[in-house]
Amino acid sequence: APSLGVAEDPATGGACAALGGYLAARSEGRDGMLRYTVHQGVE
């Protein structure tokens, strides 16, 4: 996030919330609860 002066963020809750929408759009129409574990900050 260079726009925020953040070279790299180890954990980004807002991005993970948006990622939930991105991945759901590719869930082949499955209804119910989709679950993902996001590992960030490792590098």
Full PDB file with SEQRES, HELIX, SHEET, SSBOND, CRYST1, ORIGX, SCALE, CONECT and MASTER records, all heavy atoms in Angstrom:
SEQRES   1 A   43  ALA PRO SER LEU GLY VAL ALA GLU ASP PRO ALA THR GLY          
SEQRES   2 A   43  GLY ALA CYS ALA ALA LEU GLY GLY TYR LEU ALA ALA ARG          
SEQRES   3 A   43  SER GLU GLY ARG ASP GLY MET LEU ARG TYR THR VAL HIS          
SEQRES   4 A   43  GLN GLY VAL GLU                                              
HELIX    1 AA1 PRO A    2  LEU A    4  5                                   3    
HELIX    2 AA2 GLY A   13  ALA A   24  1                                  12    
CRYST1    1.000    1.000    1.000  90.00  90.00  90.00 P 1           1          
ORIGX1      1.000000  0.000000  0.000000        0.00000                         
ORIGX2      0.000000  1.000000  0.000000        0.00000                         
ORIGX3      0.000000  0.000000  1.000000        0.00000                         
SCALE1      1.000000  0.000000  0.000000        0.00000                         
SCALE2      0.000000  1.000000  0.000000        0.00000                         
SCALE3      0.000000  0.000000  1.000000        0.00000                         
ATOM      1  N   ALA A   1       0.834  -1.209   0.000  1.00  0.00           N  
ATOM      2  CA  ALA A   1       0.000   0.000   0.000  1.00  0.00           C  
ATOM      3  C   ALA A   1       0.864   1.253   0.000  1.00  0.00           C  
ATOM      4  O   ALA A   1       0.923   1.989   0.984  1.00  0.00           O  
ATOM      5  CB  ALA A   1      -0.933  -0.001   1.213  1.00  0.00           C  
ATOM      6  N   PRO A   2       1.544   1.549  -1.118  1.00  0.00           N  
ATOM      7  CA  PRO A   2       2.359   2.762  -1.183  1.00  0.00           C  
ATOM      8  C   PRO A   2       1.554   4.035  -0.942  1.00  0.00           C  
ATOM      9  O   PRO A   2       2.084   5.005  -0.409  1.00  0.00           O  
ATOM     10  CB  PRO A   2       2.924   2.733  -2.612  1.00  0.00           C  
ATOM     11  CG  PRO A   2       2.845   1.301  -3.034  1.00  0.00           C  
ATOM     12  CD  PRO A   2       1.636   0.757  -2.349  1.00  0.00           C  
ATOM     13  N   SER A   3       0.267   4.017  -1.302  1.00  0.00           N  
ATOM     14  CA  SER A   3      -0.555   5.221  -1.131  1.00  0.00           C  
ATOM     15  C   SER A   3      -0.748   5.568   0.339  1.00  0.00           C  
ATOM     16  O   SER A   3      -1.030   6.714   0.689  1.00  0.00           O  
ATOM     17  CB  SER A   3      -1.926   5.032  -1.788  1.00  0.00           C  
ATOM     18  OG  SER A   3      -2.647   3.998  -1.147  1.00  0.00           O  
ATOM     19  N   LEU A   4      -0.597   4.576   1.210  1.00  0.00           N  
ATOM     20  CA  LEU A   4      -0.746   4.785   2.657  1.00  0.00           C  
ATOM     21  C   LEU A   4       0.606   4.865   3.356  1.00  0.00           C  
ATOM     22  O   LEU A   4       0.667   4.930   4.580  1.00  0.00           O  
ATOM     23  CB  LEU A   4      -1.574   3.652   3.266  1.00  0.00           C  
ATOM     24  CG  LEU A   4      -2.975   3.448   2.691  1.00  0.00           C  
ATOM     25  CD1 LEU A   4      -3.635   2.225   3.309  1.00  0.00           C  
ATOM     26  CD2 LEU A   4      -3.836   4.687   2.922  1.00  0.00           C  
ATOM     27  N   GLY A   5       1.693   4.820   2.588  1.00  0.00           N  
ATOM     28  CA  GLY A   5       3.019   4.813   3.182  1.00  0.00           C  
ATOM     29  C   GLY A   5       3.373   3.482   3.811  1.00  0.00           C  
ATOM     30  O   GLY A   5       4.259   3.399   4.662  1.00  0.00           O  
ATOM     31  N   VAL A   6       2.685   2.420   3.390  1.00  0.00           N  
ATOM     32  CA  VAL A   6       2.920   1.083   3.930  1.00  0.00           C  
ATOM     33  C   VAL A   6       3.593   0.248   2.848  1.00  0.00           C  
ATOM     34  O   VAL A   6       2.957  -0.144   1.861  1.00  0.00           O  
ATOM     35  CB  VAL A   6       1.598   0.415   4.369  1.00  0.00           C  
ATOM     36  CG1 VAL A   6       1.860  -1.001   4.872  1.00  0.00           C  
ATOM     37  CG2 VAL A   6       0.912   1.248   5.440  1.00  0.00           C  
ATOM     38  N   ALA A   7       4.890  -0.031   3.019  1.00  0.00           N  
ATOM     39  CA  ALA A   7       5.607  -0.824   2.024  1.00  0.00           C  
ATOM     40  C   ALA A   7       4.985  -2.213   1.915  1.00  0.00           C  
ATOM     41  O   ALA A   7       4.781  -2.734   0.813  1.00  0.00           O  
ATOM     42  CB  ALA A   7       7.082  -0.922   2.389  1.00  0.00           C  
ATOM     43  N   GLU A   8       4.676  -2.825   3.060  1.00  0.00           N  
ATOM     44  CA  GLU A   8       4.003  -4.124   3.081  1.00  0.00           C  
ATOM     45  C   GLU A   8       3.327  -4.287   4.433  1.00  0.00           C  
ATOM     46  O   GLU A   8       3.881  -3.913   5.466  1.00  0.00           O  
ATOM     47  CB  GLU A   8       4.985  -5.266   2.830  1.00  0.00           C  
ATOM     48  CG  GLU A   8       4.318  -6.620   2.765  1.00  0.00           C  
ATOM     49  CD  GLU A   8       5.240  -7.738   2.302  1.00  0.00           C  
ATOM     50  OE1 GLU A   8       6.394  -7.437   1.915  1.00  0.00           O  
ATOM     51  OE2 GLU A   8       4.814  -8.912   2.319  1.00  0.00           O  
ATOM     52  N   ASP A   9       2.109  -4.860   4.413  1.00  0.00           N  
ATOM     53  CA  ASP A   9       1.331  -5.033   5.632  1.00  0.00           C  
ATOM     54  C   ASP A   9       1.304  -6.510   6.009  1.00  0.00           C  
ATOM     55  O   ASP A   9       1.052  -7.355   5.149  1.00  0.00           O  
ATOM     56  CB  ASP A   9      -0.091  -4.518   5.398  1.00  0.00           C  
ATOM     57  CG  ASP A   9      -0.920  -4.500   6.667  1.00  0.00           C  
ATOM     58  OD1 ASP A   9      -0.337  -4.393   7.761  1.00  0.00           O  
ATOM     59  OD2 ASP A   9      -2.159  -4.584   6.569  1.00  0.00           O  
ATOM     60  N   PRO A  10       1.564  -6.855   7.266  1.00  0.00           N  
ATOM     61  CA  PRO A  10       1.576  -8.263   7.652  1.00  0.00           C  
ATOM     62  C   PRO A  10       0.191  -8.890   7.791  1.00  0.00           C  
ATOM     63  O   PRO A  10       0.059 -10.118   7.755  1.00  0.00           O  
ATOM     64  CB  PRO A  10       2.306  -8.255   8.998  1.00  0.00           C  
ATOM     65  CG  PRO A  10       2.037  -6.903   9.555  1.00  0.00           C  
ATOM     66  CD  PRO A  10       1.996  -5.982   8.370  1.00  0.00           C  
ATOM     67  N   ALA A  11      -0.854  -8.080   7.951  1.00  0.00           N  
ATOM     68  CA  ALA A  11      -2.221  -8.607   8.078  1.00  0.00           C  
ATOM     69  C   ALA A  11      -3.198  -7.505   7.690  1.00  0.00           C  
ATOM     70  O   ALA A  11      -3.138  -6.418   8.257  1.00  0.00           O  
ATOM     71  CB  ALA A  11      -2.492  -9.073   9.507  1.00  0.00           C  
ATOM     72  N   THR A  12      -4.070  -7.792   6.732  1.00  0.00           N  
ATOM     73  CA  THR A  12      -4.962  -6.752   6.216  1.00  0.00           C  
ATOM     74  C   THR A  12      -6.401  -7.258   6.234  1.00  0.00           C  
ATOM     75  O   THR A  12      -6.872  -7.909   5.286  1.00  0.00           O  
ATOM     76  CB  THR A  12      -4.566  -6.349   4.780  1.00  0.00           C  
ATOM     77  OG1 THR A  12      -3.149  -6.191   4.703  1.00  0.00           O  
ATOM     78  CG2 THR A  12      -5.237  -5.045   4.391  1.00  0.00           C  
ATOM     79  N   GLY A  13      -7.125  -6.958   7.313  1.00  0.00           N  
ATOM     80  CA  GLY A  13      -8.495  -7.434   7.458  1.00  0.00           C  
ATOM     81  C   GLY A  13      -9.423  -6.918   6.380  1.00  0.00           C  
ATOM     82  O   GLY A  13     -10.277  -7.651   5.875  1.00  0.00           O  
ATOM     83  N   GLY A  14      -9.279  -5.641   6.010  1.00  0.00           N  
ATOM     84  CA  GLY A  14     -10.144  -5.070   4.979  1.00  0.00           C  
ATOM     85  C   GLY A  14      -9.958  -5.752   3.638  1.00  0.00           C  
ATOM     86  O   GLY A  14     -10.918  -5.975   2.900  1.00  0.00           O  
ATOM     87  N   ALA A  15      -8.709  -6.095   3.311  1.00  0.00           N  
ATOM     88  CA  ALA A  15      -8.440  -6.798   2.054  1.00  0.00           C  
ATOM     89  C   ALA A  15      -9.013  -8.209   2.102  1.00  0.00           C  
ATOM     90  O   ALA A  15      -9.545  -8.705   1.099  1.00  0.00           O  
ATOM     91  CB  ALA A  15      -6.942  -6.833   1.783  1.00  0.00           C  
ATOM     92  N   CYS A  16      -8.919  -8.864   3.248  1.00  0.00           N  
ATOM     93  CA  CYS A  16      -9.458 -10.221   3.362  1.00  0.00           C  
ATOM     94  C   CYS A  16     -10.980 -10.223   3.251  1.00  0.00           C  
ATOM     95  O   CYS A  16     -11.563 -11.164   2.693  1.00  0.00           O  
ATOM     96  CB  CYS A  16      -9.015 -10.856   4.681  1.00  0.00           C  
ATOM     97  SG  CYS A  16      -7.261 -11.302   4.696  1.00  0.00           S  
ATOM     98  N   ALA A  17     -11.633  -9.179   3.750  1.00  0.00           N  
ATOM     99  CA  ALA A  17     -13.082  -9.079   3.591  1.00  0.00           C  
ATOM    100  C   ALA A  17     -13.447  -8.958   2.118  1.00  0.00           C  
ATOM    101  O   ALA A  17     -14.369  -9.620   1.626  1.00  0.00           O  
ATOM    102  CB  ALA A  17     -13.612  -7.884   4.379  1.00  0.00           C  
ATOM    103  N   ALA A  18     -12.725  -8.115   1.386  1.00  0.00           N  
ATOM    104  CA  ALA A  18     -12.975  -7.978  -0.043  1.00  0.00           C  
ATOM    105  C   ALA A  18     -12.625  -9.267  -0.783  1.00  0.00           C  
ATOM    106  O   ALA A  18     -13.301  -9.651  -1.752  1.00  0.00           O  
ATOM    107  CB  ALA A  18     -12.176  -6.804  -0.599  1.00  0.00           C  
ATOM    108  N   LEU A  19     -11.574  -9.962  -0.327  1.00  0.00           N  
ATOM    109  CA  LEU A  19     -11.184 -11.231  -0.928  1.00  0.00           C  
ATOM    110  C   LEU A  19     -12.314 -12.252  -0.822  1.00  0.00           C  
ATOM    111  O   LEU A  19     -12.500 -13.084  -1.722  1.00  0.00           O  
ATOM    112  CB  LEU A  19      -9.925 -11.773  -0.240  1.00  0.00           C  
ATOM    113  CG  LEU A  19      -9.395 -13.121  -0.743  1.00  0.00           C  
ATOM    114  CD1 LEU A  19      -8.857 -13.000  -2.167  1.00  0.00           C  
ATOM    115  CD2 LEU A  19      -8.306 -13.635   0.195  1.00  0.00           C  
ATOM    116  N   GLY A  20     -13.082 -12.178   0.258  1.00  0.00           N  
ATOM    117  CA  GLY A  20     -14.230 -13.069   0.406  1.00  0.00           C  
ATOM    118  C   GLY A  20     -15.208 -12.926  -0.749  1.00  0.00           C  
ATOM    119  O   GLY A  20     -15.782 -13.917  -1.223  1.00  0.00           O  
ATOM    120  N   GLY A  21     -15.393 -11.694  -1.232  1.00  0.00           N  
ATOM    121  CA  GLY A  21     -16.251 -11.472  -2.389  1.00  0.00           C  
ATOM    122  C   GLY A  21     -15.620 -11.968  -3.666  1.00  0.00           C  
ATOM    123  O   GLY A  21     -16.283 -12.590  -4.503  1.00  0.00           O  
ATOM    124  N   TYR A  22     -14.334 -11.699  -3.833  1.00  0.00           N  
ATOM    125  CA  TYR A  22     -13.597 -12.142  -5.024  1.00  0.00           C  
ATOM    126  C   TYR A  22     -13.693 -13.653  -5.177  1.00  0.00           C  
ATOM    127  O   TYR A  22     -13.973 -14.172  -6.269  1.00  0.00           O  
ATOM    128  CB  TYR A  22     -12.142 -11.687  -4.898  1.00  0.00           C  
ATOM    129  CG  TYR A  22     -11.219 -12.152  -6.010  1.00  0.00           C  
ATOM    130  CD1 TYR A  22     -10.880 -11.298  -7.053  1.00  0.00           C  
ATOM    131  CD2 TYR A  22     -10.674 -13.432  -6.005  1.00  0.00           C  
ATOM    132  CE1 TYR A  22     -10.020 -11.708  -8.079  1.00  0.00           C  
ATOM    133  CE2 TYR A  22      -9.821 -13.855  -7.015  1.00  0.00           C  
ATOM    134  CZ  TYR A  22      -9.494 -12.992  -8.046  1.00  0.00           C  
ATOM    135  OH  TYR A  22      -8.664 -13.425  -9.046  1.00  0.00           O  
ATOM    136  N   LEU A  23     -13.449 -14.393  -4.087  1.00  0.00           N  
ATOM    137  CA  LEU A  23     -13.458 -15.847  -4.154  1.00  0.00           C  
ATOM    138  C   LEU A  23     -14.869 -16.406  -4.286  1.00  0.00           C  
ATOM    139  O   LEU A  23     -15.084 -17.404  -4.982  1.00  0.00           O  
ATOM    140  CB  LEU A  23     -12.766 -16.427  -2.919  1.00  0.00           C  
ATOM    141  CG  LEU A  23     -11.273 -16.104  -2.807  1.00  0.00           C  
ATOM    142  CD1 LEU A  23     -10.731 -16.580  -1.458  1.00  0.00           C  
ATOM    143  CD2 LEU A  23     -10.487 -16.734  -3.947  1.00  0.00           C  
ATOM    144  N   ALA A  24     -15.840 -15.767  -3.647  1.00  0.00           N  
ATOM    145  CA  ALA A  24     -17.226 -16.233  -3.753  1.00  0.00           C  
ATOM    146  C   ALA A  24     -17.725 -16.133  -5.188  1.00  0.00           C  
ATOM    147  O   ALA A  24     -18.527 -16.954  -5.637  1.00  0.00           O  
ATOM    148  CB  ALA A  24     -18.123 -15.434  -2.818  1.00  0.00           C  
ATOM    149  N   ALA A  25     -17.243 -15.135  -5.915  1.00  0.00           N  
ATOM    150  CA  ALA A  25     -17.647 -14.975  -7.313  1.00  0.00           C  
ATOM    151  C   ALA A  25     -17.159 -16.135  -8.168  1.00  0.00           C  
ATOM    152  O   ALA A  25     -17.615 -16.312  -9.300  1.00  0.00           O  
ATOM    153  CB  ALA A  25     -17.105 -13.659  -7.861  1.00  0.00           C  
ATOM    154  N   ARG A  26     -16.238 -16.941  -7.624  1.00  0.00           N  
ATOM    155  CA  ARG A  26     -15.681 -18.082  -8.349  1.00  0.00           C  
ATOM    156  C   ARG A  26     -16.067 -19.401  -7.697  1.00  0.00           C  
ATOM    157  O   ARG A  26     -15.419 -20.423  -7.917  1.00  0.00           O  
ATOM    158  CB  ARG A  26     -14.147 -17.957  -8.380  1.00  0.00           C  
ATOM    159  CG  ARG A  26     -13.717 -16.801  -9.251  1.00  0.00           C  
ATOM    160  CD  ARG A  26     -12.357 -16.261  -8.926  1.00  0.00           C  
ATOM    161  NE  ARG A  26     -11.993 -15.307  -9.955  1.00  0.00           N  
ATOM    162  CZ  ARG A  26     -12.441 -14.050  -9.999  1.00  0.00           C  
ATOM    163  NH1 ARG A  26     -13.246 -13.591  -9.046  1.00  0.00           N  
ATOM    164  NH2 ARG A  26     -12.085 -13.253 -10.985  1.00  0.00           N  
ATOM    165  N   SER A  27     -17.118 -19.403  -6.908  1.00  0.00           N  
ATOM    166  CA  SER A  27     -17.480 -20.593  -6.139  1.00  0.00           C  
ATOM    167  C   SER A  27     -18.451 -21.506  -6.873  1.00  0.00           C  
ATOM    168  O   SER A  27     -19.027 -22.394  -6.271  1.00  0.00           O  
ATOM    169  CB  SER A  27     -18.090 -20.180  -4.795  1.00  0.00           C  
ATOM    170  OG  SER A  27     -19.333 -19.518  -5.012  1.00  0.00           O  
ATOM    171  N   GLU A  28     -18.649 -21.277  -8.161  1.00  0.00           N  
ATOM    172  CA  GLU A  28     -19.507 -22.116  -8.991  1.00  0.00           C  
ATOM    173  C   GLU A  28     -20.919 -22.207  -8.445  1.00  0.00           C  
ATOM    174  O   GLU A  28     -21.560 -23.267  -8.507  1.00  0.00           O  
ATOM    175  CB  GLU A  28     -18.888 -23.511  -9.136  1.00  0.00           C  
ATOM    176  CG  GLU A  28     -17.514 -23.501  -9.799  1.00  0.00           C  
ATOM    177  CD  GLU A  28     -16.919 -24.888  -9.940  1.00  0.00           C  
ATOM    178  OE1 GLU A  28     -17.521 -25.845  -9.398  1.00  0.00           O  
ATOM    179  OE2 GLU A  28     -15.872 -25.012 -10.578  1.00  0.00           O  
ATOM    180  N   GLY A  29     -21.410 -21.086  -7.928  1.00  0.00           N  
ATOM    181  CA  GLY A  29     -22.800 -21.013  -7.502  1.00  0.00           C  
ATOM    182  C   GLY A  29     -23.140 -21.750  -6.231  1.00  0.00           C  
ATOM    183  O   GLY A  29     -24.308 -21.925  -5.901  1.00  0.00           O  
ATOM    184  N   ARG A  30     -22.120 -22.220  -5.481  1.00  0.00           N  
ATOM    185  CA  ARG A  30     -22.409 -22.943  -4.249  1.00  0.00           C  
ATOM    186  C   ARG A  30     -23.013 -22.005  -3.213  1.00  0.00           C  
ATOM    187  O   ARG A  30     -22.509 -20.915  -2.979  1.00  0.00           O  
ATOM    188  CB  ARG A  30     -21.133 -23.563  -3.682  1.00  0.00           C  
ATOM    189  CG  ARG A  30     -20.603 -24.726  -4.501  1.00  0.00           C  
ATOM    190  CD  ARG A  30     -19.389 -25.331  -3.832  1.00  0.00           C  
ATOM    191  NE  ARG A  30     -18.311 -24.357  -3.745  1.00  0.00           N  
ATOM    192  CZ  ARG A  30     -17.179 -24.574  -3.087  1.00  0.00           C  
ATOM    193  NH1 ARG A  30     -17.008 -25.681  -2.410  1.00  0.00           N  
ATOM    194  NH2 ARG A  30     -16.229 -23.656  -3.071  1.00  0.00           N  
ATOM    195  N   ASP A  31     -24.087 -22.443  -2.602  1.00  0.00           N  
ATOM    196  CA  ASP A  31     -24.667 -21.688  -1.495  1.00  0.00           C  
ATOM    197  C   ASP A  31     -24.142 -22.244  -0.180  1.00  0.00           C  
ATOM    198  O   ASP A  31     -23.667 -23.374  -0.105  1.00  0.00           O  
ATOM    199  CB  ASP A  31     -26.190 -21.773  -1.527  1.00  0.00           C  
ATOM    200  CG  ASP A  31     -26.796 -20.866  -2.590  1.00  0.00           C  
ATOM    201  OD1 ASP A  31     -26.018 -20.162  -3.264  1.00  0.00           O  
ATOM    202  OD2 ASP A  31     -28.025 -20.873  -2.753  1.00  0.00           O  
ATOM    203  N   GLY A  32     -24.258 -21.412   0.869  1.00  0.00           N  
ATOM    204  CA  GLY A  32     -23.775 -21.829   2.177  1.00  0.00           C  
ATOM    205  C   GLY A  32     -22.631 -20.942   2.612  1.00  0.00           C  
ATOM    206  O   GLY A  32     -22.490 -19.806   2.154  1.00  0.00           O  
ATOM    207  N   MET A  33     -21.788 -21.444   3.508  1.00  0.00           N  
ATOM    208  CA  MET A  33     -20.670 -20.663   4.024  1.00  0.00           C  
ATOM    209  C   MET A  33     -19.364 -21.169   3.421  1.00  0.00           C  
ATOM    210  O   MET A  33     -19.045 -22.352   3.514  1.00  0.00           O  
ATOM    211  CB  MET A  33     -20.596 -20.738   5.550  1.00  0.00           C  
ATOM    212  CG  MET A  33     -19.497 -19.855   6.136  1.00  0.00           C  
ATOM    213  SD  MET A  33     -19.602 -19.701   7.930  1.00  0.00           S  
ATOM    214  CE  MET A  33     -19.290 -21.391   8.436  1.00  0.00           C  
ATOM    215  N   LEU A  34     -18.635 -20.264   2.785  1.00  0.00           N  
ATOM    216  CA  LEU A  34     -17.315 -20.572   2.244  1.00  0.00           C  
ATOM    217  C   LEU A  34     -16.270 -20.137   3.266  1.00  0.00           C  
ATOM    218  O   LEU A  34     -16.364 -19.042   3.824  1.00  0.00           O  
ATOM    219  CB  LEU A  34     -17.100 -19.831   0.924  1.00  0.00           C  
ATOM    220  CG  LEU A  34     -18.171 -20.020  -0.148  1.00  0.00           C  
ATOM    221  CD1 LEU A  34     -17.851 -19.157  -1.362  1.00  0.00           C  
ATOM    222  CD2 LEU A  34     -18.287 -21.481  -0.536  1.00  0.00           C  
ATOM    223  N   ARG A  35     -15.272 -20.983   3.489  1.00  0.00           N  
ATOM    224  CA  ARG A  35     -14.242 -20.680   4.486  1.00  0.00           C  
ATOM    225  C   ARG A  35     -12.862 -20.707   3.844  1.00  0.00           C  
ATOM    226  O   ARG A  35     -12.555 -21.609   3.069  1.00  0.00           O  
ATOM    227  CB  ARG A  35     -14.283 -21.703   5.621  1.00  0.00           C  
ATOM    228  CG  ARG A  35     -15.504 -21.596   6.508  1.00  0.00           C  
ATOM    229  CD  ARG A  35     -15.451 -22.620   7.613  1.00  0.00           C  
ATOM    230  NE  ARG A  35     -16.558 -22.453   8.536  1.00  0.00           N  
ATOM    231  CZ  ARG A  35     -16.890 -23.332   9.477  1.00  0.00           C  
ATOM    232  NH1 ARG A  35     -16.180 -24.440   9.617  1.00  0.00           N  
ATOM    233  NH2 ARG A  35     -17.905 -23.110  10.282  1.00  0.00           N  
ATOM    234  N   TYR A  36     -12.057 -19.722   4.222  1.00  0.00           N  
ATOM    235  CA  TYR A  36     -10.685 -19.640   3.736  1.00  0.00           C  
ATOM    236  C   TYR A  36      -9.781 -19.222   4.889  1.00  0.00           C  
ATOM    237  O   TYR A  36     -10.192 -18.459   5.771  1.00  0.00           O  
ATOM    238  CB  TYR A  36     -10.555 -18.618   2.602  1.00  0.00           C  
ATOM    239  CG  TYR A  36     -11.349 -18.987   1.368  1.00  0.00           C  
ATOM    240  CD1 TYR A  36     -12.660 -18.549   1.218  1.00  0.00           C  
ATOM    241  CD2 TYR A  36     -10.788 -19.787   0.376  1.00  0.00           C  
ATOM    242  CE1 TYR A  36     -13.395 -18.903   0.093  1.00  0.00           C  
ATOM    243  CE2 TYR A  36     -11.516 -20.140  -0.746  1.00  0.00           C  
ATOM    244  CZ  TYR A  36     -12.814 -19.695  -0.884  1.00  0.00           C  
ATOM    245  OH  TYR A  36     -13.546 -20.044  -1.992  1.00  0.00           O  
ATOM    246  N   THR A  37      -8.552 -19.714   4.869  1.00  0.00           N  
ATOM    247  CA  THR A  37      -7.521 -19.272   5.798  1.00  0.00           C  
ATOM    248  C   THR A  37      -6.475 -18.521   5.008  1.00  0.00           C  
ATOM    249  O   THR A  37      -5.932 -19.058   4.036  1.00  0.00           O  
ATOM    250  CB  THR A  37      -6.874 -20.464   6.521  1.00  0.00           C  
ATOM    251  OG1 THR A  37      -7.883 -21.186   7.235  1.00  0.00           O  
ATOM    252  CG2 THR A  37      -5.812 -19.984   7.499  1.00  0.00           C  
ATOM    253  N   VAL A  38      -6.204 -17.283   5.389  1.00  0.00           N  
ATOM    254  CA  VAL A  38      -5.256 -16.431   4.677  1.00  0.00           C  
ATOM    255  C   VAL A  38      -3.997 -16.277   5.515  1.00  0.00           C  
ATOM    256  O   VAL A  38      -4.051 -15.770   6.644  1.00  0.00           O  
ATOM    257  CB  VAL A  38      -5.860 -15.046   4.376  1.00  0.00           C  
ATOM    258  CG1 VAL A  38      -4.841 -14.172   3.646  1.00  0.00           C  
ATOM    259  CG2 VAL A  38      -7.133 -15.181   3.546  1.00  0.00           C  
ATOM    260  N   HIS A  39      -2.866 -16.716   4.967  1.00  0.00           N  
ATOM    261  CA  HIS A  39      -1.567 -16.542   5.612  1.00  0.00           C  
ATOM    262  C   HIS A  39      -0.890 -15.343   4.955  1.00  0.00           C  
ATOM    263  O   HIS A  39      -0.673 -15.327   3.744  1.00  0.00           O  
ATOM    264  CB  HIS A  39      -0.709 -17.798   5.452  1.00  0.00           C  
ATOM    265  CG  HIS A  39      -1.264 -18.991   6.165  1.00  0.00           C  
ATOM    266  ND1 HIS A  39      -0.982 -19.271   7.481  1.00  0.00           N  
ATOM    267  CD2 HIS A  39      -2.102 -19.961   5.745  1.00  0.00           C  
ATOM    268  CE1 HIS A  39      -1.616 -20.373   7.842  1.00  0.00           C  
ATOM    269  NE2 HIS A  39      -2.304 -20.810   6.815  1.00  0.00           N  
ATOM    270  N   GLN A  40      -0.580 -14.352   5.743  1.00  0.00           N  
ATOM    271  CA  GLN A  40       0.013 -13.111   5.234  1.00  0.00           C  
ATOM    272  C   GLN A  40       1.186 -12.721   6.127  1.00  0.00           C  
ATOM    273  O   GLN A  40       1.278 -13.131   7.281  1.00  0.00           O  
ATOM    274  CB  GLN A  40      -1.052 -12.003   5.216  1.00  0.00           C  
ATOM    275  CG  GLN A  40      -0.648 -10.741   4.476  1.00  0.00           C  
ATOM    276  CD  GLN A  40      -1.766  -9.690   4.492  1.00  0.00           C  
ATOM    277  OE1 GLN A  40      -2.945 -10.016   4.567  1.00  0.00           O  
ATOM    278  NE2 GLN A  40      -1.394  -8.433   4.429  1.00  0.00           N  
ATOM    279  N   GLY A  41       2.105 -11.929   5.605  1.00  0.00           N  
ATOM    280  CA  GLY A  41       3.231 -11.450   6.402  1.00  0.00           C  
ATOM    281  C   GLY A  41       4.377 -12.427   6.535  1.00  0.00           C  
ATOM    282  O   GLY A  41       5.364 -12.133   7.205  1.00  0.00           O  
ATOM    283  N   VAL A  42       4.258 -13.604   5.910  1.00  0.00           N  
ATOM    284  CA  VAL A  42       5.301 -14.636   6.041  1.00  0.00           C  
ATOM    285  C   VAL A  42       6.621 -14.135   5.465  1.00  0.00           C  
ATOM    286  O   VAL A  42       7.682 -14.272   6.079  1.00  0.00           O  
ATOM    287  CB  VAL A  42       4.865 -15.940   5.339  1.00  0.00           C  
ATOM    288  CG1 VAL A  42       5.993 -16.976   5.388  1.00  0.00           C  
ATOM    289  CG2 VAL A  42       3.602 -16.489   5.990  1.00  0.00           C  
ATOM    290  N   GLU A  43       6.563 -13.528   4.278  1.00  0.00           N  
ATOM    291  CA  GLU A  43       7.788 -13.091   3.600  1.00  0.00           C  
ATOM    292  C   GLU A  43       8.499 -11.974   4.340  1.00  0.00           C  
ATOM    293  O   GLU A  43       9.701 -11.783   4.156  1.00  0.00           O  
ATOM    294  CB  GLU A  43       7.454 -12.639   2.167  1.00  0.00           C  
ATOM    295  CG  GLU A  43       7.146 -13.769   1.211  1.00  0.00           C  
ATOM    296  CD  GLU A  43       5.782 -14.404   1.437  1.00  0.00           C  
ATOM    297  OE1 GLU A  43       4.936 -13.815   2.156  1.00  0.00           O  
ATOM    298  OE2 GLU A  43       5.561 -15.500   0.900  1.00  0.00           O  
TER     299      GLU A  43                                                      
MASTER        0    0    0    2    0    0    0    6  298    1    0    4          
END                                                                             
